[in-house]
């Protein structure tokens, strides 16, 4: 099939659209792509294009999932750092309180 071939798009109410443009491929549903792929090599250009579009969508979803995982990891690292800083502040506060108490007690005993 050539790019001039008209292909019926059931999702668009039977309106024919020119096949094999990027916008046309993006407009197809996953079911339509699967049907074209299931026809095999007999589908010619549609099979090749449907396979390429399915692969593109798969890569796009994988990239989005990887980005989401990276954001999640970054958020956990930030939360972990904040928790560590808070714990250090609590320890420093306790040490300061203990030191102050020791100084006061030492002065009281010295008098």
Protein backbone atom coordinates (compact mmCIF):
# COMPACT_ATOMS: atom_id res chain seq x y z
CA UNK A 1 0.00 0.00 0.00
CA UNK A 2 1.16 3.51 -0.71
CA UNK A 3 0.75 6.58 1.43
CA UNK A 4 -2.04 7.69 -0.92
CA UNK A 5 -4.12 4.69 0.04
CA UNK A 6 -7.33 5.48 1.91
CA UNK A 7 -7.99 3.35 5.00
CA UNK A 8 -11.28 3.25 6.87
CA UNK A 9 -11.01 4.28 10.51
CA UNK A 10 -13.83 2.67 12.47
CA UNK A 11 -13.18 4.87 15.50
CA UNK A 12 -13.82 8.00 13.41
CA UNK A 13 -17.23 6.81 12.27
CA UNK A 14 -16.13 5.34 8.97
CA UNK A 15 -14.42 8.49 7.71
CA UNK A 16 -11.50 7.66 5.45
CA UNK A 17 -8.16 9.23 6.28
CA UNK A 18 -4.88 9.05 4.40
CA UNK A 19 -2.77 6.24 5.79
CA UNK A 20 0.78 6.39 7.05
CA UNK A 21 1.13 9.97 8.27
CA UNK A 22 2.42 10.49 11.80
CA UNK A 23 -0.84 12.09 12.90
CA UNK A 24 -2.84 9.24 11.42
CA UNK A 25 -0.78 6.62 13.24
CA UNK A 26 -1.08 8.50 16.52
CA UNK A 27 -4.85 8.70 16.06
CA UNK A 28 -5.27 4.94 15.87
CA UNK A 29 -6.40 3.06 18.95
CA UNK A 30 -4.36 0.23 20.40
CA UNK A 31 -6.99 -2.23 19.19
CA UNK A 32 -6.70 -0.96 15.63
CA UNK A 33 -2.92 -1.27 15.75
CA UNK A 34 -3.19 -4.78 17.16
CA UNK A 35 -5.59 -5.76 14.37
CA UNK A 36 -3.16 -4.46 11.73
CA UNK A 37 -0.26 -6.29 13.37
CA UNK A 38 -2.28 -9.50 13.60
CA UNK A 39 -2.79 -9.44 9.82
CA UNK A 40 0.94 -10.03 9.56
CA UNK A 41 3.13 -9.29 6.57
CA UNK A 42 0.11 -9.59 4.29
CA UNK A 43 -0.86 -6.14 5.56
CA UNK A 44 2.23 -4.75 3.85
CA UNK A 45 2.97 -1.15 4.75
CA UNK A 46 0.22 -1.13 7.39
CA UNK A 47 1.85 -4.03 9.23
CA UNK A 48 5.25 -2.32 9.20
CA UNK A 49 3.80 1.03 10.24
CA UNK A 50 1.57 -0.48 12.95
CA UNK A 51 4.54 -2.36 14.38
CA UNK A 52 6.64 0.81 14.40
CA UNK A 53 3.83 2.81 16.05
CA UNK A 54 3.27 0.12 18.69
CA UNK A 55 7.00 0.14 19.41
CA UNK A 56 7.04 3.96 19.62
CA UNK A 57 4.13 3.93 22.08
CA UNK A 58 5.81 1.24 24.13
CA UNK A 59 9.06 3.20 24.31
CA UNK A 60 7.14 6.36 25.22
CA UNK A 61 5.33 4.59 28.06
CA UNK A 62 8.59 3.03 29.26
CA UNK A 63 10.32 6.41 29.22
CA UNK A 64 7.45 7.94 31.21
CA UNK A 65 7.60 5.07 33.72
CA UNK A 66 11.38 5.49 34.06
CA UNK A 67 11.00 9.23 34.62
CA UNK A 68 8.32 8.61 37.26
CA UNK A 69 10.56 6.06 38.99
CA UNK A 70 13.45 8.54 38.96
CA UNK A 71 11.20 11.26 40.47
CA UNK A 72 10.06 8.82 43.14
CA UNK A 73 13.64 7.88 44.01
CA UNK A 74 14.61 11.54 44.18
CA UNK A 75 11.68 12.32 46.49
CA UNK A 76 12.66 9.42 48.78
CA UNK A 77 16.28 10.65 48.88
CA UNK A 78 15.14 14.15 49.75
CA UNK A 79 12.84 12.83 52.47
CA UNK A 80 15.68 10.67 53.80
CA UNK A 81 18.03 13.67 53.91
CA UNK A 82 15.44 15.77 55.72
CA UNK A 83 14.92 12.99 58.26
CA UNK A 84 18.67 12.72 58.79
CA UNK A 85 19.00 16.47 59.31
CA UNK A 86 16.13 16.45 61.79
CA UNK A 87 17.70 13.57 63.70
CA UNK A 88 21.03 15.40 63.83
CA UNK A 89 19.30 18.51 65.12
CA UNK A 90 17.58 16.48 67.83
CA UNK A 91 20.89 14.90 68.86
CA UNK A 92 22.62 18.30 68.90
CA UNK A 93 19.78 19.72 70.93
CA UNK A 94 20.06 16.87 73.43
CA UNK A 95 23.83 17.30 73.65
CA UNK A 96 23.43 21.05 74.21
CA UNK A 97 20.81 20.45 76.88
CA UNK A 98 22.95 17.83 78.58
CA UNK A 99 26.02 20.10 78.43
CA UNK A 100 24.09 23.01 79.87
CA UNK A 101 22.75 20.80 82.65
CA UNK A 102 26.25 19.59 83.48
CA UNK A 103 27.58 23.14 83.60
CA UNK A 104 24.76 24.25 85.90
CA UNK A 105 25.20 21.24 88.20
CA UNK A 106 28.95 21.72 88.31
CA UNK A 107 28.52 25.37 89.36
CA UNK A 108 25.97 24.41 91.99
CA UNK A 109 28.27 21.78 93.48
CA UNK A 110 31.26 24.14 93.35
CA UNK A 111 29.47 26.69 95.51
